[in-house]
Protein backbone atom coordinates (compact mmCIF):
# COMPACT_ATOMS: atom_id res chain seq x y z
CA MET A 1 23.25 -5.81 21.87
CA ALA A 2 23.23 -6.64 18.14
CA LYS A 3 19.63 -7.85 18.39
CA GLN A 4 18.57 -4.66 20.16
CA LYS A 5 20.28 -2.55 17.49
CA GLN A 6 18.39 -4.38 14.75
CA LEU A 7 15.07 -3.86 16.51
CA THR A 8 15.86 -0.14 16.82
CA LEU A 9 16.57 0.11 13.10
CA LEU A 10 13.33 -1.64 12.25
CA HIS A 11 11.47 0.95 14.30
CA SER A 12 12.88 3.77 12.18
CA LYS A 13 10.62 6.79 11.71
CA THR A 14 10.93 6.45 7.92
CA PRO A 15 8.03 4.17 6.91
CA LYS A 16 8.62 2.31 3.67
CA VAL A 17 6.18 0.37 1.51
CA TYR A 18 7.46 -2.99 0.31
CA LYS A 19 5.42 -5.22 -2.01
CA HIS A 20 6.04 -8.10 -4.36
CA ARG A 21 5.52 -7.15 -8.00
CA LYS A 22 2.58 -9.58 -8.27
CA LEU A 23 0.82 -7.74 -5.47
CA ASN A 24 1.69 -4.40 -7.02
CA ASP A 25 0.07 -5.57 -10.26
CA GLY A 26 -3.04 -6.72 -8.40
CA ASN A 27 -6.49 -5.21 -8.86
CA PHE A 28 -7.56 -3.03 -5.91
CA SER A 29 -10.62 -1.66 -7.69
CA ASP A 30 -12.96 -1.48 -4.69
CA PHE A 31 -10.64 0.57 -2.50
CA THR A 32 -11.23 4.21 -1.65
CA LEU A 33 -8.29 6.60 -1.38
CA ASN A 34 -8.30 6.55 2.44
CA GLU A 35 -8.65 2.77 2.62
CA TYR A 36 -5.67 2.33 0.33
CA GLN A 37 -3.62 4.84 2.33
CA VAL A 38 -4.39 2.89 5.51
CA PHE A 39 -3.49 -0.39 3.79
CA LEU A 40 -0.12 0.99 2.64
CA PHE A 41 0.64 2.35 6.10
CA LEU A 42 -0.04 -1.07 7.62
CA VAL A 43 2.22 -2.66 5.00
CA SER A 44 4.99 -0.26 6.01
CA LYS A 45 4.78 -1.64 9.57
CA ILE A 46 6.22 -4.98 8.47
CA GLY A 47 9.75 -3.69 7.85
CA GLY A 48 12.06 -0.79 8.54
CA VAL A 49 15.28 0.85 7.42
CA ASP A 50 18.80 0.82 8.79
CA GLU A 51 21.04 3.84 9.32
CA ARG A 52 21.92 3.80 5.60
CA GLY A 53 18.27 3.78 4.56
CA LYS A 54 18.37 0.12 3.47
CA TYR A 55 15.12 -1.77 3.90
CA ILE A 56 15.25 -4.76 6.26
CA GLN A 57 12.78 -7.26 7.68
CA ASN A 58 13.43 -9.12 10.90
CA PRO A 59 11.84 -12.60 10.78
CA GLU A 60 10.87 -12.21 14.43
CA LEU A 61 8.79 -9.15 13.56
CA LEU A 62 6.97 -10.60 10.56
CA LYS A 63 3.76 -10.91 12.53
CA ARG A 64 0.44 -10.53 10.79
CA GLU A 65 -1.13 -8.17 13.34
CA HIS A 66 -0.25 -4.46 13.28
CA VAL A 67 -1.48 -1.26 14.92
CA LEU A 68 -1.94 2.16 13.31
CA THR A 69 -2.80 5.29 15.30
CA ALA A 70 -4.62 8.41 14.18
CA LYS A 71 -1.56 10.45 15.18
CA GLU A 72 0.70 8.41 12.87
CA PHE A 73 -1.71 8.78 9.97
CA SER A 74 -2.01 12.52 10.57
CA ASP A 75 1.77 13.03 10.70
CA VAL A 76 2.43 11.25 7.39
CA PHE A 77 -0.59 12.29 5.30
CA GLY A 78 -1.07 15.77 6.74
CA VAL A 79 -4.71 15.21 7.63
CA ALA A 80 -6.27 16.94 10.62
CA LEU A 81 -6.19 14.64 13.64
CA ASN A 82 -9.94 14.78 14.25
CA GLN A 83 -10.55 13.62 10.66
CA CYS A 84 -8.11 10.73 11.07
CA TYR A 85 -10.34 9.10 13.71
CA THR A 86 -13.14 8.87 11.16
CA ILE A 87 -10.78 7.66 8.43
CA LEU A 88 -9.47 4.83 10.61
CA ARG A 89 -12.93 3.84 11.83
CA ASN A 90 -14.26 3.66 8.26
CA ALA A 91 -11.15 1.75 7.12
CA VAL A 92 -11.92 -0.97 9.65
CA ARG A 93 -15.38 -1.38 8.17
CA GLY A 94 -14.18 -1.20 4.58
CA ILE A 95 -10.92 -3.12 4.32
CA LEU A 96 -12.20 -6.14 6.22
CA ARG A 97 -14.69 -6.72 3.41
CA LYS A 98 -12.25 -5.98 0.59
CA GLN A 99 -10.75 -8.51 -1.79
CA LEU A 100 -8.03 -8.06 -4.38
CA MET A 101 -7.39 -9.99 -7.56
CA ILE A 102 -3.93 -11.35 -8.36
CA GLN A 103 -2.91 -12.92 -11.67
CA LYS A 104 -1.05 -16.22 -11.23
CA SER A 105 0.97 -16.19 -14.44
CA GLU A 106 2.48 -19.62 -13.85
CA SER A 107 -0.97 -21.26 -13.75
CA ASN A 108 -2.93 -18.72 -15.80
CA GLU A 109 -5.32 -18.31 -12.88
CA ILE A 110 -6.81 -15.23 -11.25
CA TRP A 111 -6.99 -15.43 -7.47
CA GLU A 112 -9.26 -13.35 -5.26
CA ILE A 113 -7.86 -13.03 -1.75
CA ASN A 114 -8.85 -11.22 1.41
CA ILE A 115 -6.41 -8.70 2.85
CA CYS A 116 -7.15 -9.03 6.54
CA SER A 117 -8.84 -11.59 8.77
CA MET A 118 -9.48 -9.26 11.69
CA ALA A 119 -9.87 -5.50 12.11
CA LYS A 120 -10.84 -3.47 15.15
CA TYR A 121 -11.06 0.20 16.09
CA CYS A 122 -10.29 1.46 19.58
CA LYS A 123 -12.16 4.75 19.90
CA LYS A 124 -10.69 5.67 23.28
CA GLU A 125 -7.09 5.33 22.08
CA GLY A 126 -7.63 6.46 18.47
CA ARG A 127 -6.04 3.41 16.87
CA ILE A 128 -6.88 0.45 14.69
CA THR A 129 -5.53 -3.11 14.73
CA PHE A 130 -5.39 -5.20 11.56
CA LYS A 131 -4.41 -8.81 11.06
CA PHE A 132 -3.18 -9.69 7.57
CA THR A 133 -4.34 -12.99 6.09
CA ASP A 134 -2.01 -15.89 5.41
CA ASP A 135 -2.80 -15.49 1.70
CA ILE A 136 -1.40 -11.97 1.39
CA MET A 137 1.69 -12.38 3.56
CA PRO A 138 3.84 -14.12 0.89
CA TYR A 139 3.52 -10.93 -1.20
CA LEU A 140 4.71 -8.78 1.69
CA LEU A 141 7.79 -10.79 2.68
CA GLN A 142 11.18 -9.59 1.54
CA ALA A 143 12.37 -11.05 -1.77
CA LYS A 144 15.63 -10.64 -3.68
CA GLU A 145 13.92 -9.63 -6.91
CA LYS A 146 10.57 -8.58 -8.38
CA PHE A 147 9.52 -6.13 -5.71
CA ILE A 148 8.88 -2.42 -5.32
CA LEU A 149 10.02 -0.22 -2.46
CA TYR A 150 9.30 3.43 -1.74
CA ASN A 151 8.92 5.88 1.15
CA LEU A 152 5.34 6.34 2.29
CA LYS A 153 5.91 10.09 2.35
CA GLU A 154 6.40 10.05 -1.43
CA ILE A 155 2.69 9.48 -1.99
CA SER A 156 1.40 11.41 1.03
CA SER A 157 0.33 14.45 -1.02
CA PHE A 158 -1.50 12.47 -3.72
CA GLY A 159 -5.23 13.17 -3.61
CA SER A 160 -6.38 10.34 -5.84
CA PHE A 161 -6.37 6.56 -5.50
CA TYR A 162 -5.56 6.30 -9.21
CA THR A 163 -2.55 8.59 -8.82
CA ILE A 164 -1.09 6.38 -6.10
CA ARG A 165 -1.64 3.25 -8.16
CA LEU A 166 -0.12 4.83 -11.26
CA TYR A 167 2.91 5.90 -9.22
CA GLU A 168 3.32 2.35 -7.90
CA LEU A 169 3.13 0.92 -11.41
CA LEU A 170 5.81 3.38 -12.53
CA MET A 171 7.97 2.22 -9.61
CA SER A 172 7.88 -1.28 -11.08
CA PHE A 173 9.70 0.08 -14.12
CA LYS A 174 12.04 2.55 -12.45
CA TYR A 175 15.13 0.51 -13.42
CA THR A 176 14.24 0.43 -17.11
CA GLY A 177 13.20 4.06 -17.10
CA TRP A 178 9.99 3.68 -19.07
CA ILE A 179 6.61 1.97 -19.10
CA GLN A 180 4.41 1.23 -22.09
CA LYS A 181 0.77 0.31 -21.57
CA ASN A 182 -2.30 0.92 -23.67
CA ILE A 183 -5.43 2.45 -22.13
CA GLN A 184 -7.19 -0.88 -21.63
CA GLU A 185 -4.14 -2.37 -19.86
CA LEU A 186 -3.96 0.67 -17.58
CA ARG A 187 -7.67 0.44 -16.80
CA VAL A 188 -7.24 -3.20 -15.75
CA LEU A 189 -4.12 -2.56 -13.66
CA LEU A 190 -5.68 0.46 -11.96
CA GLY A 191 -8.98 -1.29 -11.40
CA VAL A 192 -10.92 1.39 -13.25
CA LYS A 193 -14.66 0.83 -13.24
CA THR A 194 -16.80 0.81 -16.40
CA ASN A 195 -17.09 4.12 -18.30
CA LYS A 196 -14.32 5.83 -16.32
CA LEU A 197 -10.96 7.03 -17.69
CA VAL A 198 -11.56 5.64 -21.15
CA ILE A 199 -9.04 7.83 -23.03
CA TYR A 200 -5.50 8.99 -22.30
CA ASN A 201 -6.50 12.59 -21.55
CA ASN A 202 -8.80 11.30 -18.80
CA PHE A 203 -5.78 9.78 -17.06
CA LYS A 204 -3.68 12.87 -17.58
CA ASN A 205 -6.35 15.30 -16.36
CA LYS A 206 -7.17 13.10 -13.37
CA ASN A 207 -3.56 12.89 -12.22
CA LYS A 208 -1.78 15.99 -13.50
CA LYS A 209 -2.33 17.94 -10.29
CA TYR A 210 -0.47 15.30 -8.29
CA LEU A 211 1.88 13.46 -10.63
CA TRP A 212 2.34 14.98 -14.08
CA ARG A 213 4.90 17.67 -13.27
């Protein structure tokens, strides 16, 4: 009975994104907005919340393979269902080829790792299946410190990849209440490409519609 209760809590309808701070500080520069939304939704599949809203991970459910349907994506991000089929199909093609860069502070190394080792799209059922790599899983497993946690719905209305990433970086500093980064540091953390967002007003104008309010 206790086991069944825990499984029920993990299948809560409140998806939450949980990431280690090192992953949150990684460089996702090649991602599109939709690809990153799909990635975050798949990350939210790893854990769940209990009746008090506390995030929990059941070791038995820490599998690397997860399924996301067009209906789920539509419900959370408010996108028309027929558009979600295209979004998921393109995400399969895109994310499988994506790499992210993570700074290993203890060894002063920069690692490039793949996010998933397998991705497939089932057109008939309107769903995708992703298998996370062994390399990324340590950054998705529950830790006692140095992690960020937020409801997926909190970023569902953001219309920019940069806005989501900026929000996630702010979440890393929510307990101190402030964050101080110069423009170059922000450009690196957000994975900004050459000649884009080179001054503060560029950041503010790019994100004010979604975040600066």
